[in-house]
């Protein structure tokens, strides 16, 4: 778990990309959400990312640009950050459910649903409220995140499939084996 919390911190070293008309930047950290859920599973992956969120909340500068603290959590990007552990949980649950037939196609689906869709479903409404935007404008403005999230989904899926083939670390619950 500590390794994936550390991976999230390292991914925060990549510079954030500010986009016009959207109060939330593009970061590499959703890739860490996908990797945590798909490589170490739902429970350990979501707990690892929760440790990272606690680090953000207490003010450690672990987000791109050296940001951290409750001000960030309460700001427009806070919903995305709070959604990270939920996203890792969903990626992990889907991965565990599809364990016997897990391949690149299933990995892409698991990571897209948990690592992007779930984060959007929580982060976009939160951003709309925190930034005082109408929800439809927040949704429309968030379309700019799709290309980057597609790239992160592919990278995360390729990495997860490669790691799982060489060293399967997720323990399949007995009732799903």
N, C-alpha and C. Protein backbone atom coordinates (compact mmCIF):
# COMPACT_ATOMS: atom_id res chain seq x y z
N UNK A 1 0.83 -1.20 0.00
CA UNK A 1 0.00 0.00 0.00
C UNK A 1 0.87 1.25 0.00
N UNK A 2 1.94 1.23 0.78
CA UNK A 2 2.82 2.39 0.84
C UNK A 2 3.43 2.69 -0.53
N UNK A 3 3.72 1.63 -1.28
CA UNK A 3 4.30 1.82 -2.61
C UNK A 3 3.35 2.61 -3.51
N UNK A 4 2.07 2.29 -3.47
CA UNK A 4 1.13 2.98 -4.35
C UNK A 4 0.82 4.39 -3.87
N UNK A 5 0.88 4.64 -2.57
CA UNK A 5 0.78 6.01 -2.07
C UNK A 5 1.98 6.80 -2.57
N UNK A 6 3.16 6.17 -2.55
CA UNK A 6 4.38 6.82 -3.04
C UNK A 6 4.30 7.06 -4.55
N UNK A 7 3.74 6.11 -5.29
CA UNK A 7 3.59 6.30 -6.73
C UNK A 7 2.71 7.51 -7.01
N UNK A 8 1.66 7.69 -6.22
CA UNK A 8 0.80 8.87 -6.39
C UNK A 8 1.60 10.16 -6.16
N UNK A 9 2.47 10.15 -5.17
CA UNK A 9 3.30 11.33 -4.90
C UNK A 9 4.23 11.59 -6.08
N UNK A 10 4.87 10.54 -6.59
CA UNK A 10 5.77 10.68 -7.74
C UNK A 10 5.01 11.20 -8.96
N UNK A 11 3.80 10.68 -9.19
CA UNK A 11 3.01 11.17 -10.32
C UNK A 11 2.63 12.65 -10.15
N UNK A 12 2.63 13.12 -8.91
CA UNK A 12 2.38 14.53 -8.64
C UNK A 12 3.54 15.42 -9.02
N UNK A 13 4.71 14.83 -9.29
CA UNK A 13 5.86 15.62 -9.72
C UNK A 13 5.74 16.07 -11.17
N UNK A 14 4.90 15.36 -11.94
CA UNK A 14 4.66 15.80 -13.30
C UNK A 14 3.94 17.14 -13.22
N UNK A 15 4.32 18.08 -14.05
CA UNK A 15 3.67 19.40 -13.95
C UNK A 15 2.19 19.31 -14.29
N UNK A 16 1.39 20.11 -13.58
CA UNK A 16 -0.03 20.13 -13.90
C UNK A 16 -0.24 20.95 -15.16
N UNK A 17 -1.27 20.62 -15.88
CA UNK A 17 -1.60 21.32 -17.12
C UNK A 17 -2.90 22.06 -16.89
N UNK A 18 -2.81 23.38 -16.84
CA UNK A 18 -4.00 24.21 -16.66
C UNK A 18 -4.71 24.34 -18.00
N UNK A 19 -6.01 24.21 -17.97
CA UNK A 19 -6.81 24.31 -19.18
C UNK A 19 -7.71 25.54 -19.11
N UNK A 20 -7.91 26.19 -20.23
CA UNK A 20 -8.81 27.33 -20.22
C UNK A 20 -10.25 26.87 -19.99
N UNK A 21 -11.00 27.67 -19.28
CA UNK A 21 -12.43 27.45 -19.02
C UNK A 21 -12.75 26.32 -18.06
N UNK A 22 -11.73 25.61 -17.55
CA UNK A 22 -11.97 24.51 -16.61
C UNK A 22 -11.14 24.78 -15.35
N UNK A 23 -11.78 24.85 -14.18
CA UNK A 23 -11.02 25.16 -12.96
C UNK A 23 -10.24 23.99 -12.37
N UNK A 24 -10.17 22.86 -13.07
CA UNK A 24 -9.41 21.70 -12.59
C UNK A 24 -8.33 21.40 -13.63
N UNK A 25 -7.08 21.16 -13.19
CA UNK A 25 -6.00 20.88 -14.13
C UNK A 25 -5.96 19.40 -14.52
N UNK A 26 -5.22 19.12 -15.55
CA UNK A 26 -4.92 17.74 -15.94
C UNK A 26 -3.69 17.31 -15.15
N UNK A 27 -3.77 16.14 -14.52
CA UNK A 27 -2.62 15.61 -13.78
C UNK A 27 -2.41 14.15 -14.19
N UNK A 28 -1.27 13.61 -13.80
CA UNK A 28 -0.97 12.20 -14.09
C UNK A 28 -1.50 11.27 -13.00
N UNK A 29 -2.04 11.82 -11.93
CA UNK A 29 -2.35 11.00 -10.76
C UNK A 29 -3.51 10.02 -10.94
N UNK A 30 -4.38 10.24 -11.90
CA UNK A 30 -5.42 9.23 -12.12
C UNK A 30 -4.81 7.92 -12.63
N UNK A 31 -3.65 8.01 -13.25
CA UNK A 31 -2.94 6.79 -13.64
C UNK A 31 -2.60 5.96 -12.40
N UNK A 32 -2.20 6.61 -11.32
CA UNK A 32 -1.90 5.91 -10.07
C UNK A 32 -3.13 5.23 -9.49
N UNK A 33 -4.29 5.87 -9.63
CA UNK A 33 -5.55 5.27 -9.17
C UNK A 33 -5.80 3.97 -9.92
N UNK A 34 -5.62 4.01 -11.23
CA UNK A 34 -5.84 2.82 -12.05
C UNK A 34 -4.85 1.71 -11.69
N UNK A 35 -3.59 2.07 -11.55
CA UNK A 35 -2.57 1.07 -11.22
C UNK A 35 -2.82 0.43 -9.86
N UNK A 36 -3.17 1.24 -8.88
CA UNK A 36 -3.40 0.70 -7.53
C UNK A 36 -4.53 -0.31 -7.54
N UNK A 37 -5.65 0.04 -8.13
CA UNK A 37 -6.79 -0.87 -8.15
C UNK A 37 -6.54 -2.12 -8.95
N UNK A 38 -5.89 -1.98 -10.10
CA UNK A 38 -5.73 -3.13 -10.98
C UNK A 38 -4.56 -4.04 -10.59
N UNK A 39 -3.60 -3.52 -9.84
CA UNK A 39 -2.45 -4.36 -9.50
C UNK A 39 -2.57 -4.95 -8.10
N UNK A 40 -3.00 -4.19 -7.11
CA UNK A 40 -3.07 -4.74 -5.75
C UNK A 40 -4.50 -4.98 -5.28
N UNK A 41 -5.48 -4.71 -6.11
CA UNK A 41 -6.85 -5.06 -5.78
C UNK A 41 -7.64 -3.95 -5.11
N UNK A 42 -8.91 -4.25 -4.89
CA UNK A 42 -9.86 -3.26 -4.39
C UNK A 42 -9.51 -2.76 -2.99
N UNK A 43 -9.33 -3.66 -2.07
CA UNK A 43 -9.11 -3.25 -0.67
C UNK A 43 -7.78 -2.52 -0.51
N UNK A 44 -6.70 -3.17 -0.91
CA UNK A 44 -5.38 -2.56 -0.73
C UNK A 44 -5.18 -1.33 -1.62
N UNK A 45 -5.71 -1.39 -2.83
CA UNK A 45 -5.57 -0.25 -3.74
C UNK A 45 -6.30 0.98 -3.24
N UNK A 46 -7.55 0.79 -2.79
CA UNK A 46 -8.31 1.95 -2.31
C UNK A 46 -7.72 2.49 -1.01
N UNK A 47 -7.21 1.61 -0.13
CA UNK A 47 -6.57 2.08 1.09
C UNK A 47 -5.28 2.85 0.79
N UNK A 48 -4.52 2.39 -0.18
CA UNK A 48 -3.30 3.11 -0.56
C UNK A 48 -3.63 4.51 -1.05
N UNK A 49 -4.66 4.62 -1.86
CA UNK A 49 -5.03 5.93 -2.40
C UNK A 49 -5.66 6.79 -1.30
N UNK A 50 -6.35 6.17 -0.36
CA UNK A 50 -6.88 6.91 0.78
C UNK A 50 -5.75 7.52 1.61
N UNK A 51 -4.66 6.78 1.78
CA UNK A 51 -3.49 7.31 2.48
C UNK A 51 -2.99 8.56 1.75
N UNK A 52 -2.96 8.51 0.44
CA UNK A 52 -2.54 9.66 -0.34
C UNK A 52 -3.49 10.85 -0.12
N UNK A 53 -4.79 10.60 -0.12
CA UNK A 53 -5.76 11.68 0.08
C UNK A 53 -5.59 12.30 1.47
N UNK A 54 -5.30 11.49 2.46
CA UNK A 54 -5.04 12.02 3.81
C UNK A 54 -3.79 12.90 3.78
N UNK A 55 -2.78 12.48 3.04
CA UNK A 55 -1.57 13.30 2.90
C UNK A 55 -1.91 14.67 2.29
N UNK A 56 -2.77 14.67 1.29
CA UNK A 56 -3.20 15.93 0.69
C UNK A 56 -3.94 16.77 1.73
N UNK A 57 -4.87 16.15 2.44
CA UNK A 57 -5.72 16.87 3.39
C UNK A 57 -4.92 17.52 4.52
N UNK A 58 -3.85 16.85 4.97
CA UNK A 58 -3.06 17.42 6.07
C UNK A 58 -2.07 18.47 5.59
N UNK A 59 -2.03 18.69 4.30
CA UNK A 59 -1.24 19.79 3.78
C UNK A 59 0.09 19.44 3.16
N UNK A 60 0.39 18.17 3.02
CA UNK A 60 1.65 17.82 2.36
C UNK A 60 1.57 18.23 0.89
N UNK A 61 2.65 18.75 0.35
CA UNK A 61 2.63 19.25 -1.04
C UNK A 61 2.81 18.13 -2.06
N UNK A 62 1.85 17.22 -2.12
CA UNK A 62 1.98 16.01 -2.94
C UNK A 62 1.19 16.09 -4.25
N UNK A 63 0.51 17.18 -4.47
CA UNK A 63 -0.20 17.38 -5.73
C UNK A 63 0.69 18.17 -6.69
N UNK A 64 0.44 18.07 -7.98
CA UNK A 64 1.25 18.85 -8.93
C UNK A 64 1.28 20.33 -8.55
N UNK A 65 2.43 20.92 -8.74
CA UNK A 65 2.61 22.32 -8.37
C UNK A 65 2.87 22.51 -6.89
N UNK A 66 3.11 21.40 -6.15
CA UNK A 66 3.38 21.49 -4.72
C UNK A 66 2.16 21.86 -3.89
N UNK A 67 1.00 21.52 -4.39
CA UNK A 67 -0.23 21.87 -3.68
C UNK A 67 -0.61 20.79 -2.68
N UNK A 68 -1.39 21.18 -1.70
CA UNK A 68 -1.92 20.27 -0.70
C UNK A 68 -2.70 21.09 0.32
N UNK A 69 -3.47 20.41 1.15
CA UNK A 69 -4.21 21.09 2.21
C UNK A 69 -5.70 21.06 2.00
N UNK A 70 -6.42 21.43 3.05
CA UNK A 70 -7.88 21.43 2.98
C UNK A 70 -8.41 22.43 1.97
N UNK A 71 -7.67 23.50 1.71
CA UNK A 71 -8.10 24.47 0.70
C UNK A 71 -8.24 23.84 -0.67
N UNK A 72 -7.35 22.92 -0.98
CA UNK A 72 -7.44 22.21 -2.27
C UNK A 72 -8.64 21.26 -2.25
N UNK A 73 -8.83 20.57 -1.13
CA UNK A 73 -9.95 19.63 -1.02
C UNK A 73 -11.28 20.38 -1.13
N UNK A 74 -11.36 21.56 -0.56
CA UNK A 74 -12.60 22.34 -0.60
C UNK A 74 -12.76 23.12 -1.89
N UNK A 75 -11.72 23.19 -2.71
CA UNK A 75 -11.77 23.92 -3.97
C UNK A 75 -12.34 23.07 -5.10
N UNK A 76 -12.31 23.61 -6.32
CA UNK A 76 -12.91 22.93 -7.48
C UNK A 76 -12.35 21.55 -7.78
N UNK A 77 -11.08 21.30 -7.43
CA UNK A 77 -10.49 19.99 -7.72
C UNK A 77 -10.72 18.97 -6.62
N UNK A 78 -11.29 19.39 -5.50
CA UNK A 78 -11.45 18.52 -4.35
C UNK A 78 -12.26 17.27 -4.62
N UNK A 79 -13.30 17.36 -5.42
CA UNK A 79 -14.12 16.20 -5.72
C UNK A 79 -13.36 15.12 -6.47
N UNK A 80 -12.48 15.55 -7.36
CA UNK A 80 -11.67 14.57 -8.08
C UNK A 80 -10.73 13.85 -7.12
N UNK A 81 -10.11 14.61 -6.22
CA UNK A 81 -9.19 14.03 -5.24
C UNK A 81 -9.93 13.07 -4.31
N UNK A 82 -11.10 13.49 -3.81
CA UNK A 82 -11.88 12.63 -2.94
C UNK A 82 -12.40 11.39 -3.66
N UNK A 83 -12.53 11.47 -4.98
CA UNK A 83 -13.00 10.33 -5.77
C UNK A 83 -11.90 9.30 -6.03
N UNK A 84 -10.64 9.67 -5.85
CA UNK A 84 -9.55 8.74 -6.14
C UNK A 84 -9.69 7.39 -5.44
N UNK A 85 -9.92 7.34 -4.11
CA UNK A 85 -10.03 6.01 -3.47
C UNK A 85 -11.24 5.21 -3.98
N UNK A 86 -12.33 5.91 -4.29
CA UNK A 86 -13.51 5.22 -4.82
C UNK A 86 -13.19 4.64 -6.20
N UNK A 87 -12.48 5.42 -7.01
CA UNK A 87 -12.06 4.94 -8.33
C UNK A 87 -11.18 3.71 -8.22
N UNK A 88 -10.20 3.73 -7.31
CA UNK A 88 -9.32 2.56 -7.13
C UNK A 88 -10.12 1.36 -6.64
N UNK A 89 -11.09 1.59 -5.77
CA UNK A 89 -11.95 0.51 -5.28
C UNK A 89 -12.71 -0.13 -6.44
N UNK A 90 -13.31 0.69 -7.30
CA UNK A 90 -14.09 0.17 -8.43
C UNK A 90 -13.18 -0.55 -9.42
N UNK A 91 -12.03 0.02 -9.74
CA UNK A 91 -11.08 -0.67 -10.63
C UNK A 91 -10.73 -2.03 -10.04
N UNK A 92 -10.42 -2.06 -8.75
CA UNK A 92 -10.05 -3.31 -8.10
C UNK A 92 -11.17 -4.32 -8.08
N UNK A 93 -12.39 -3.88 -7.75
CA UNK A 93 -13.53 -4.81 -7.72
C UNK A 93 -13.79 -5.41 -9.10
N UNK A 94 -13.76 -4.57 -10.12
CA UNK A 94 -13.98 -5.07 -11.48
C UNK A 94 -12.87 -6.02 -11.90
N UNK A 95 -11.63 -5.67 -11.58
CA UNK A 95 -10.49 -6.52 -11.93
C UNK A 95 -10.61 -7.88 -11.24
N UNK A 96 -10.94 -7.85 -9.95
CA UNK A 96 -11.09 -9.11 -9.21
C UNK A 96 -12.23 -9.95 -9.78
N UNK A 97 -13.31 -9.31 -10.15
CA UNK A 97 -14.47 -10.01 -10.71
C UNK A 97 -14.12 -10.69 -12.04
N UNK A 98 -13.24 -10.05 -12.81
CA UNK A 98 -12.87 -10.55 -14.13
C UNK A 98 -11.53 -11.29 -14.13
N UNK A 99 -11.08 -11.69 -12.97
CA UNK A 99 -9.76 -12.30 -12.80
C UNK A 99 -9.46 -13.42 -13.79
N UNK A 100 -10.37 -14.36 -13.95
CA UNK A 100 -10.09 -15.53 -14.80
C UNK A 100 -9.95 -15.18 -16.27
N UNK A 101 -10.62 -14.11 -16.72
CA UNK A 101 -10.52 -13.75 -18.14
C UNK A 101 -9.85 -12.40 -18.35
N UNK A 102 -9.12 -11.92 -17.34
CA UNK A 102 -8.48 -10.61 -17.40
C UNK A 102 -7.47 -10.55 -18.52
N UNK A 103 -7.66 -9.60 -19.42
CA UNK A 103 -6.75 -9.37 -20.53
C UNK A 103 -6.77 -7.87 -20.83
N UNK A 104 -6.15 -7.44 -21.88
CA UNK A 104 -6.08 -6.01 -22.17
C UNK A 104 -7.45 -5.39 -22.36
N UNK A 105 -8.35 -6.08 -23.02
CA UNK A 105 -9.70 -5.54 -23.23
C UNK A 105 -10.43 -5.31 -21.92
N UNK A 106 -10.39 -6.30 -21.03
CA UNK A 106 -11.04 -6.16 -19.73
C UNK A 106 -10.33 -5.10 -18.89
N UNK A 107 -9.01 -5.05 -18.98
CA UNK A 107 -8.26 -4.05 -18.23
C UNK A 107 -8.66 -2.64 -18.67
N UNK A 108 -8.79 -2.44 -19.98
CA UNK A 108 -9.22 -1.13 -20.49
C UNK A 108 -10.59 -0.76 -19.93
N UNK A 109 -11.51 -1.72 -19.92
CA UNK A 109 -12.85 -1.46 -19.39
C UNK A 109 -12.80 -1.13 -17.90
N UNK A 110 -12.10 -1.94 -17.12
CA UNK A 110 -12.01 -1.73 -15.67
C UNK A 110 -11.41 -0.36 -15.36
N UNK A 111 -10.33 -0.02 -16.03
CA UNK A 111 -9.65 1.25 -15.77
C UNK A 111 -10.46 2.44 -16.26
N UNK A 112 -11.14 2.30 -17.37
CA UNK A 112 -11.97 3.40 -17.87
C UNK A 112 -13.14 3.67 -16.93
N UNK A 113 -13.77 2.60 -16.45
CA UNK A 113 -14.93 2.77 -15.56
C UNK A 113 -14.50 3.33 -14.21
N UNK A 114 -13.54 2.67 -13.56
CA UNK A 114 -13.14 3.11 -12.22
C UNK A 114 -12.20 4.30 -12.21
N UNK A 115 -11.26 4.31 -13.14
CA UNK A 115 -10.25 5.36 -13.15
C UNK A 115 -10.63 6.63 -13.86
N UNK A 116 -11.72 6.61 -14.59
CA UNK A 116 -12.16 7.83 -15.27
C UNK A 116 -13.64 8.12 -14.97
N UNK A 117 -14.53 7.22 -15.35
CA UNK A 117 -15.97 7.47 -15.21
C UNK A 117 -16.37 7.76 -13.76
N UNK A 118 -15.95 6.91 -12.84
CA UNK A 118 -16.30 7.12 -11.43
C UNK A 118 -15.74 8.45 -10.93
N UNK A 119 -14.52 8.76 -11.31
CA UNK A 119 -13.91 10.01 -10.88
C UNK A 119 -14.66 11.20 -11.48
N UNK A 120 -15.09 11.09 -12.73
CA UNK A 120 -15.90 12.16 -13.34
C UNK A 120 -17.23 12.31 -12.62
N UNK A 121 -17.88 11.18 -12.31
CA UNK A 121 -19.21 11.24 -11.69
C UNK A 121 -19.18 11.92 -10.33
N UNK A 122 -18.07 11.83 -9.64
CA UNK A 122 -17.93 12.50 -8.34
C UNK A 122 -17.31 13.89 -8.52
N UNK A 123 -16.27 13.98 -9.31
CA UNK A 123 -15.50 15.22 -9.43
C UNK A 123 -16.20 16.35 -10.16
N UNK A 124 -16.92 16.04 -11.23
CA UNK A 124 -17.54 17.11 -12.03
C UNK A 124 -18.65 17.82 -11.26
N UNK A 125 -19.59 17.12 -10.63
CA UNK A 125 -20.60 17.86 -9.85
C UNK A 125 -19.98 18.65 -8.69
N UNK A 126 -18.98 18.09 -8.05
CA UNK A 126 -18.29 18.79 -6.96
C UNK A 126 -17.65 20.07 -7.50
N UNK A 127 -16.97 19.95 -8.67
CA UNK A 127 -16.34 21.11 -9.29
C UNK A 127 -17.37 22.17 -9.64
N UNK A 128 -18.52 21.76 -10.14
CA UNK A 128 -19.57 22.72 -10.49
C UNK A 128 -20.02 23.50 -9.27
N UNK A 129 -20.23 22.80 -8.17
CA UNK A 129 -20.67 23.48 -6.94
C UNK A 129 -19.56 24.38 -6.40
N UNK A 130 -18.34 23.83 -6.30
CA UNK A 130 -17.23 24.59 -5.71
C UNK A 130 -16.84 25.81 -6.55
N UNK A 131 -16.99 25.71 -7.86
CA UNK A 131 -16.61 26.82 -8.75
C UNK A 131 -17.80 27.70 -9.13
N UNK A 132 -19.00 27.32 -8.67
CA UNK A 132 -20.18 28.11 -9.00
C UNK A 132 -20.56 28.04 -10.47
N UNK A 133 -20.33 26.88 -11.06
CA UNK A 133 -20.66 26.67 -12.48
C UNK A 133 -21.96 25.89 -12.62
N UNK A 134 -22.73 26.17 -13.67
CA UNK A 134 -23.85 25.28 -13.94
C UNK A 134 -23.31 23.89 -14.30
N UNK A 135 -24.04 22.85 -13.90
CA UNK A 135 -23.56 21.48 -14.12
C UNK A 135 -23.32 21.19 -15.60
N UNK A 136 -24.19 21.67 -16.47
CA UNK A 136 -24.00 21.39 -17.90
C UNK A 136 -22.71 22.01 -18.42
N UNK A 137 -22.35 23.18 -17.94
CA UNK A 137 -21.10 23.81 -18.37
C UNK A 137 -19.89 23.07 -17.80
N UNK A 138 -20.01 22.57 -16.57
CA UNK A 138 -18.92 21.80 -15.98
C UNK A 138 -18.71 20.50 -16.75
N UNK A 139 -19.81 19.84 -17.13
CA UNK A 139 -19.70 18.61 -17.91
C UNK A 139 -19.08 18.90 -19.27
N UNK A 140 -19.57 19.91 -19.94
CA UNK A 140 -19.06 20.26 -21.27
C UNK A 140 -17.58 20.65 -21.19
N UNK A 141 -17.22 21.43 -20.18
CA UNK A 141 -15.83 21.84 -20.02
C UNK A 141 -14.90 20.67 -19.72
N UNK A 142 -15.44 19.64 -19.12
CA UNK A 142 -14.63 18.48 -18.74
C UNK A 142 -14.31 17.56 -19.91
N UNK A 143 -14.91 17.79 -21.04
CA UNK A 143 -14.62 16.99 -22.23
C UNK A 143 -13.13 17.07 -22.58
N UNK A 144 -12.49 18.18 -22.21
CA UNK A 144 -11.07 18.33 -22.53
C UNK A 144 -10.19 17.32 -21.79
N UNK A 145 -10.72 16.70 -20.73
CA UNK A 145 -9.96 15.70 -19.99
C UNK A 145 -9.92 14.35 -20.71
N UNK A 146 -10.85 14.11 -21.62
CA UNK A 146 -10.98 12.78 -22.22
C UNK A 146 -9.73 12.27 -22.94
N UNK A 147 -9.07 13.07 -23.80
CA UNK A 147 -7.88 12.52 -24.47
C UNK A 147 -6.79 12.08 -23.49
N UNK A 148 -6.51 12.89 -22.48
CA UNK A 148 -5.50 12.52 -21.50
C UNK A 148 -5.89 11.30 -20.71
N UNK A 149 -7.17 11.21 -20.34
CA UNK A 149 -7.62 10.04 -19.58
C UNK A 149 -7.60 8.78 -20.44
N UNK A 150 -7.83 8.93 -21.73
CA UNK A 150 -7.73 7.78 -22.63
C UNK A 150 -6.28 7.27 -22.66
N UNK A 151 -5.33 8.18 -22.76
CA UNK A 151 -3.92 7.79 -22.77
C UNK A 151 -3.55 7.12 -21.45
N UNK A 152 -3.98 7.69 -20.31
CA UNK A 152 -3.68 7.10 -19.00
C UNK A 152 -4.35 5.74 -18.86
N UNK A 153 -5.54 5.57 -19.39
CA UNK A 153 -6.23 4.28 -19.33
C UNK A 153 -5.45 3.21 -20.10
N UNK A 154 -4.95 3.57 -21.27
CA UNK A 154 -4.17 2.61 -22.06
C UNK A 154 -2.86 2.26 -21.35
N UNK A 155 -2.15 3.27 -20.86
CA UNK A 155 -0.88 3.02 -20.17
C UNK A 155 -1.12 2.16 -18.92
N UNK A 156 -2.11 2.53 -18.12
CA UNK A 156 -2.42 1.77 -16.91
C UNK A 156 -2.81 0.34 -17.21
N UNK A 157 -3.58 0.15 -18.26
CA UNK A 157 -4.03 -1.19 -18.63
C UNK A 157 -2.88 -2.06 -19.13
N UNK A 158 -2.03 -1.49 -19.96
CA UNK A 158 -0.86 -2.24 -20.44
C UNK A 158 0.05 -2.62 -19.27
N UNK A 159 0.26 -1.69 -18.36
CA UNK A 159 1.11 -1.98 -17.20
C UNK A 159 0.49 -3.05 -16.31
N UNK A 160 -0.81 -2.93 -16.07
CA UNK A 160 -1.48 -3.90 -15.19
C UNK A 160 -1.44 -5.30 -15.77
N UNK A 161 -1.70 -5.44 -17.06
CA UNK A 161 -1.67 -6.75 -17.70
C UNK A 161 -0.25 -7.33 -17.65
N UNK A 162 0.75 -6.49 -17.91
CA UNK A 162 2.14 -6.97 -17.88
C UNK A 162 2.54 -7.41 -16.48
N UNK A 163 2.20 -6.61 -15.47
CA UNK A 163 2.55 -6.97 -14.09
C UNK A 163 1.82 -8.23 -13.67
N UNK A 164 0.55 -8.32 -14.00
CA UNK A 164 -0.24 -9.47 -13.58
C UNK A 164 0.25 -10.76 -14.24
N UNK A 165 0.72 -10.67 -15.47
CA UNK A 165 1.24 -11.88 -16.13
C UNK A 165 2.54 -12.34 -15.49
N UNK A 166 3.39 -11.40 -15.09
CA UNK A 166 4.68 -11.77 -14.53
C UNK A 166 4.64 -12.02 -13.03
N UNK A 167 3.72 -11.34 -12.33
CA UNK A 167 3.64 -11.51 -10.88
C UNK A 167 2.22 -11.16 -10.43
N UNK A 168 1.31 -12.12 -10.46
CA UNK A 168 -0.08 -11.83 -10.07
C UNK A 168 -0.20 -11.57 -8.58
N UNK A 169 -0.41 -10.32 -8.21
CA UNK A 169 -0.43 -9.94 -6.80
C UNK A 169 -1.83 -9.87 -6.21
N UNK A 170 -2.84 -9.85 -7.03
CA UNK A 170 -4.20 -9.78 -6.50
C UNK A 170 -4.62 -11.17 -6.08
N UNK A 171 -5.08 -11.28 -4.86
CA UNK A 171 -5.59 -12.55 -4.37
C UNK A 171 -7.06 -12.64 -4.75
N UNK A 172 -7.42 -13.68 -5.48
CA UNK A 172 -8.80 -13.85 -5.89
C UNK A 172 -9.59 -14.43 -4.72
N UNK A 173 -10.65 -13.75 -4.30
CA UNK A 173 -11.48 -14.35 -3.23
C UNK A 173 -11.97 -15.72 -3.65
N UNK A 174 -12.04 -16.65 -2.70
CA UNK A 174 -12.39 -18.03 -2.99
C UNK A 174 -13.75 -18.17 -3.70
N UNK A 175 -14.70 -17.33 -3.37
CA UNK A 175 -16.02 -17.46 -3.98
C UNK A 175 -16.04 -16.98 -5.43
N UNK A 176 -14.96 -16.34 -5.90
CA UNK A 176 -14.90 -15.87 -7.29
C UNK A 176 -13.93 -16.69 -8.12
N UNK A 177 -13.18 -17.59 -7.50
CA UNK A 177 -12.17 -18.35 -8.23
C UNK A 177 -12.78 -19.39 -9.13
